[in-house]
Amino acid sequence: MSLFTSEIGNVNRALLLHPILGPHWMELGEKLTLECDLEPKLRELLILRTAYFHDCNYELHYHIPGAKKADITDDILNLLKEKRTPNAFPKNFSK
């Protein structure tokens, strides 16, 4: 995926390419993902749930592999894709 395709969205593209805001936007993203106190599985679940809710292909493209690495199953990914409510998830999901 190219930074210049429509999948990234106009707001994200503008922020990333802006000479002053771009580095700060990237730093915020790093803090929220790499320096977050949430366990990786829960962090990826929250990111993907939000990305599916807002139809954000950019986030989905980059976070589905991370979710699989964090042991989020295809069944859970399908529930997220279907925009199911949290009570549809297994009770032992975060274990």
N, C-alpha and C. Protein backbone atom coordinates (compact mmCIF):
# COMPACT_ATOMS: atom_id res chain seq x y z
N MET A 1 0.85 -1.18 0.00
CA MET A 1 0.00 0.00 0.00
C MET A 1 0.89 1.24 0.00
N SER A 2 0.56 2.16 -0.81
CA SER A 2 1.34 3.39 -0.93
C SER A 2 0.74 4.46 -0.02
N LEU A 3 1.60 5.33 0.44
CA LEU A 3 1.15 6.46 1.25
C LEU A 3 0.23 7.37 0.46
N PHE A 4 0.30 7.29 -0.85
CA PHE A 4 -0.46 8.19 -1.70
C PHE A 4 -1.75 7.57 -2.24
N THR A 5 -2.16 6.41 -1.76
CA THR A 5 -3.41 5.81 -2.20
C THR A 5 -4.55 6.32 -1.33
N SER A 6 -5.76 6.14 -1.79
CA SER A 6 -6.92 6.63 -1.04
C SER A 6 -7.20 5.80 0.20
N GLU A 7 -6.59 4.62 0.33
CA GLU A 7 -6.88 3.76 1.49
C GLU A 7 -6.41 4.37 2.80
N ILE A 8 -5.42 5.23 2.75
CA ILE A 8 -4.90 5.80 3.99
C ILE A 8 -5.82 6.90 4.52
N GLY A 9 -6.59 7.52 3.68
CA GLY A 9 -7.52 8.56 4.11
C GLY A 9 -6.86 9.93 4.04
N ASN A 10 -7.65 10.91 3.68
CA ASN A 10 -7.12 12.25 3.48
C ASN A 10 -6.56 12.87 4.76
N VAL A 11 -7.20 12.66 5.89
CA VAL A 11 -6.72 13.26 7.13
C VAL A 11 -5.38 12.66 7.53
N ASN A 12 -5.28 11.33 7.51
CA ASN A 12 -4.02 10.70 7.87
C ASN A 12 -2.91 11.08 6.90
N ARG A 13 -3.22 11.12 5.62
CA ARG A 13 -2.22 11.49 4.62
C ARG A 13 -1.73 12.91 4.88
N ALA A 14 -2.63 13.82 5.14
CA ALA A 14 -2.25 15.21 5.41
C ALA A 14 -1.37 15.30 6.65
N LEU A 15 -1.76 14.59 7.69
CA LEU A 15 -0.97 14.62 8.93
C LEU A 15 0.42 14.02 8.72
N LEU A 16 0.49 12.89 8.04
CA LEU A 16 1.77 12.23 7.84
C LEU A 16 2.71 13.04 6.96
N LEU A 17 2.18 13.74 6.00
CA LEU A 17 3.02 14.49 5.07
C LEU A 17 3.33 15.92 5.54
N HIS A 18 2.63 16.37 6.56
CA HIS A 18 2.86 17.72 7.06
C HIS A 18 4.24 17.78 7.75
N PRO A 19 5.08 18.76 7.40
CA PRO A 19 6.44 18.78 7.95
C PRO A 19 6.53 18.99 9.46
N ILE A 20 5.53 19.65 10.04
CA ILE A 20 5.57 19.87 11.49
C ILE A 20 4.71 18.83 12.21
N LEU A 21 3.48 18.60 11.74
CA LEU A 21 2.58 17.67 12.42
C LEU A 21 2.96 16.21 12.21
N GLY A 22 3.51 15.87 11.04
CA GLY A 22 3.82 14.49 10.70
C GLY A 22 4.62 13.75 11.76
N PRO A 23 5.77 14.29 12.18
CA PRO A 23 6.56 13.59 13.19
C PRO A 23 5.82 13.42 14.52
N HIS A 24 5.02 14.42 14.88
CA HIS A 24 4.26 14.33 16.14
C HIS A 24 3.14 13.29 16.03
N TRP A 25 2.51 13.21 14.87
CA TRP A 25 1.46 12.22 14.63
C TRP A 25 2.05 10.81 14.73
N MET A 26 3.23 10.63 14.14
CA MET A 26 3.90 9.33 14.20
C MET A 26 4.29 9.00 15.64
N GLU A 27 4.76 9.98 16.38
CA GLU A 27 5.14 9.77 17.77
C GLU A 27 3.93 9.36 18.61
N LEU A 28 2.80 10.00 18.37
CA LEU A 28 1.57 9.63 19.09
C LEU A 28 1.21 8.17 18.79
N GLY A 29 1.27 7.79 17.51
CA GLY A 29 0.97 6.41 17.15
C GLY A 29 1.90 5.42 17.82
N GLU A 30 3.17 5.75 17.89
CA GLU A 30 4.14 4.88 18.55
C GLU A 30 3.84 4.76 20.04
N LYS A 31 3.52 5.86 20.66
CA LYS A 31 3.21 5.83 22.10
C LYS A 31 1.98 4.96 22.37
N LEU A 32 0.96 5.10 21.53
CA LEU A 32 -0.28 4.34 21.74
C LEU A 32 -0.11 2.86 21.44
N THR A 33 0.83 2.50 20.58
CA THR A 33 0.98 1.08 20.23
C THR A 33 2.20 0.44 20.87
N LEU A 34 3.34 1.08 20.81
CA LEU A 34 4.57 0.44 21.26
C LEU A 34 4.87 0.65 22.74
N GLU A 35 4.39 1.75 23.29
CA GLU A 35 4.69 2.06 24.68
C GLU A 35 3.45 1.96 25.57
N CYS A 36 2.47 1.24 25.12
CA CYS A 36 1.20 1.10 25.82
C CYS A 36 1.32 0.02 26.89
N ASP A 37 0.65 0.22 28.03
CA ASP A 37 0.67 -0.76 29.11
C ASP A 37 -0.28 -1.93 28.89
N LEU A 38 -1.13 -1.85 27.88
CA LEU A 38 -2.05 -2.96 27.61
C LEU A 38 -1.30 -4.15 27.06
N GLU A 39 -1.77 -5.35 27.40
CA GLU A 39 -1.16 -6.53 26.80
C GLU A 39 -1.43 -6.49 25.29
N PRO A 40 -0.50 -7.02 24.49
CA PRO A 40 -0.64 -6.94 23.03
C PRO A 40 -1.97 -7.44 22.48
N LYS A 41 -2.48 -8.52 23.05
CA LYS A 41 -3.74 -9.09 22.56
C LYS A 41 -4.90 -8.10 22.73
N LEU A 42 -4.98 -7.49 23.88
CA LEU A 42 -6.06 -6.53 24.14
C LEU A 42 -5.86 -5.26 23.31
N ARG A 43 -4.61 -4.80 23.21
CA ARG A 43 -4.32 -3.61 22.41
C ARG A 43 -4.75 -3.81 20.96
N GLU A 44 -4.39 -4.95 20.36
CA GLU A 44 -4.75 -5.22 18.97
C GLU A 44 -6.26 -5.39 18.81
N LEU A 45 -6.90 -5.98 19.80
CA LEU A 45 -8.36 -6.12 19.76
C LEU A 45 -9.02 -4.74 19.71
N LEU A 46 -8.56 -3.83 20.55
CA LEU A 46 -9.14 -2.48 20.58
C LEU A 46 -8.88 -1.73 19.27
N ILE A 47 -7.67 -1.85 18.75
CA ILE A 47 -7.35 -1.18 17.49
C ILE A 47 -8.21 -1.72 16.36
N LEU A 48 -8.31 -3.06 16.27
CA LEU A 48 -9.08 -3.65 15.18
C LEU A 48 -10.58 -3.39 15.32
N ARG A 49 -11.08 -3.43 16.53
CA ARG A 49 -12.51 -3.15 16.72
C ARG A 49 -12.82 -1.73 16.24
N THR A 50 -11.96 -0.79 16.59
CA THR A 50 -12.15 0.59 16.16
C THR A 50 -11.99 0.72 14.65
N ALA A 51 -10.98 0.04 14.09
CA ALA A 51 -10.74 0.11 12.65
C ALA A 51 -11.91 -0.47 11.86
N TYR A 52 -12.46 -1.59 12.31
CA TYR A 52 -13.62 -2.16 11.61
C TYR A 52 -14.84 -1.25 11.75
N PHE A 53 -15.03 -0.69 12.93
CA PHE A 53 -16.18 0.19 13.16
C PHE A 53 -16.14 1.39 12.23
N HIS A 54 -14.92 1.91 11.99
CA HIS A 54 -14.77 3.11 11.15
C HIS A 54 -14.33 2.79 9.72
N ASP A 55 -14.33 1.50 9.37
CA ASP A 55 -13.92 1.06 8.03
C ASP A 55 -12.57 1.65 7.62
N CYS A 56 -11.60 1.54 8.50
CA CYS A 56 -10.27 2.11 8.27
C CYS A 56 -9.33 1.02 7.74
N ASN A 57 -9.25 0.94 6.42
CA ASN A 57 -8.43 -0.09 5.79
C ASN A 57 -6.95 0.02 6.14
N TYR A 58 -6.47 1.22 6.34
CA TYR A 58 -5.07 1.41 6.69
C TYR A 58 -4.74 0.68 7.99
N GLU A 59 -5.53 0.93 9.04
CA GLU A 59 -5.28 0.27 10.32
C GLU A 59 -5.46 -1.24 10.22
N LEU A 60 -6.48 -1.68 9.50
CA LEU A 60 -6.70 -3.11 9.33
C LEU A 60 -5.51 -3.77 8.65
N HIS A 61 -5.02 -3.14 7.61
CA HIS A 61 -3.89 -3.69 6.86
C HIS A 61 -2.68 -3.91 7.76
N TYR A 62 -2.41 -2.96 8.62
CA TYR A 62 -1.22 -3.04 9.46
C TYR A 62 -1.41 -3.77 10.78
N HIS A 63 -2.65 -3.92 11.24
CA HIS A 63 -2.85 -4.52 12.56
C HIS A 63 -3.38 -5.95 12.54
N ILE A 64 -3.91 -6.42 11.45
CA ILE A 64 -4.34 -7.83 11.41
C ILE A 64 -3.14 -8.76 11.61
N PRO A 65 -1.99 -8.53 10.96
CA PRO A 65 -0.84 -9.40 11.24
C PRO A 65 -0.40 -9.33 12.71
N GLY A 66 -0.45 -8.14 13.30
CA GLY A 66 -0.10 -8.01 14.72
C GLY A 66 -1.08 -8.74 15.61
N ALA A 67 -2.34 -8.74 15.23
CA ALA A 67 -3.36 -9.45 16.01
C ALA A 67 -3.09 -10.96 15.96
N LYS A 68 -2.76 -11.46 14.80
CA LYS A 68 -2.46 -12.89 14.68
C LYS A 68 -1.21 -13.25 15.48
N LYS A 69 -0.23 -12.37 15.47
CA LYS A 69 0.98 -12.58 16.26
C LYS A 69 0.67 -12.58 17.76
N ALA A 70 -0.36 -11.82 18.14
CA ALA A 70 -0.78 -11.74 19.55
C ALA A 70 -1.79 -12.83 19.89
N ASP A 71 -1.90 -13.84 19.03
CA ASP A 71 -2.77 -15.01 19.26
C ASP A 71 -4.26 -14.69 19.21
N ILE A 72 -4.65 -13.72 18.42
CA ILE A 72 -6.07 -13.48 18.17
C ILE A 72 -6.45 -14.39 17.00
N THR A 73 -7.41 -15.24 17.23
CA THR A 73 -7.76 -16.27 16.24
C THR A 73 -8.57 -15.69 15.08
N ASP A 74 -8.64 -16.45 14.00
CA ASP A 74 -9.46 -16.05 12.86
C ASP A 74 -10.93 -15.93 13.25
N ASP A 75 -11.39 -16.77 14.17
CA ASP A 75 -12.78 -16.68 14.65
C ASP A 75 -13.04 -15.32 15.29
N ILE A 76 -12.11 -14.87 16.12
CA ILE A 76 -12.26 -13.56 16.77
C ILE A 76 -12.18 -12.45 15.72
N LEU A 77 -11.25 -12.57 14.78
CA LEU A 77 -11.14 -11.57 13.71
C LEU A 77 -12.44 -11.48 12.92
N ASN A 78 -13.07 -12.62 12.68
CA ASN A 78 -14.35 -12.61 11.96
C ASN A 78 -15.45 -11.93 12.76
N LEU A 79 -15.46 -12.14 14.08
CA LEU A 79 -16.44 -11.45 14.93
C LEU A 79 -16.23 -9.94 14.86
N LEU A 80 -14.96 -9.53 14.87
CA LEU A 80 -14.66 -8.10 14.76
C LEU A 80 -15.14 -7.56 13.42
N LYS A 81 -14.85 -8.31 12.35
CA LYS A 81 -15.23 -7.88 11.01
C LYS A 81 -16.74 -7.73 10.87
N GLU A 82 -17.47 -8.61 11.54
CA GLU A 82 -18.94 -8.57 11.51
C GLU A 82 -19.49 -7.48 12.42
N LYS A 83 -18.60 -6.78 13.14
CA LYS A 83 -18.98 -5.72 14.07
C LYS A 83 -19.92 -6.22 15.15
N ARG A 84 -19.62 -7.42 15.63
CA ARG A 84 -20.42 -8.03 16.69
C ARG A 84 -20.13 -7.34 18.02
N THR A 85 -21.05 -7.45 18.94
CA THR A 85 -20.88 -6.84 20.25
C THR A 85 -19.91 -7.66 21.10
N PRO A 86 -19.29 -7.03 22.11
CA PRO A 86 -18.30 -7.74 22.92
C PRO A 86 -18.81 -9.01 23.58
N ASN A 87 -20.11 -9.11 23.88
CA ASN A 87 -20.60 -10.33 24.53
C ASN A 87 -20.56 -11.53 23.59
N ALA A 88 -20.24 -11.32 22.31
CA ALA A 88 -20.07 -12.42 21.38
C ALA A 88 -18.71 -13.09 21.52
N PHE A 89 -17.79 -12.45 22.25
CA PHE A 89 -16.45 -12.98 22.40
C PHE A 89 -16.42 -14.03 23.50
N PRO A 90 -15.54 -15.00 23.38
CA PRO A 90 -15.40 -16.01 24.44
C PRO A 90 -15.02 -15.36 25.76
N LYS A 91 -15.52 -15.91 26.85
CA LYS A 91 -15.25 -15.33 28.17
C LYS A 91 -13.77 -15.36 28.53
N ASN A 92 -13.03 -16.33 28.00
CA ASN A 92 -11.62 -16.46 28.32
C ASN A 92 -10.74 -15.78 27.26
N PHE A 93 -11.29 -14.83 26.53
CA PHE A 93 -10.57 -14.21 25.41
C PHE A 93 -9.21 -13.64 25.83
N SER A 94 -9.17 -12.90 26.92
CA SER A 94 -7.93 -12.20 27.27
C SER A 94 -6.94 -13.07 28.02
N LYS A 95 -7.21 -14.34 28.17
CA LYS A 95 -6.27 -15.21 28.89
C LYS A 95 -5.33 -15.89 27.95
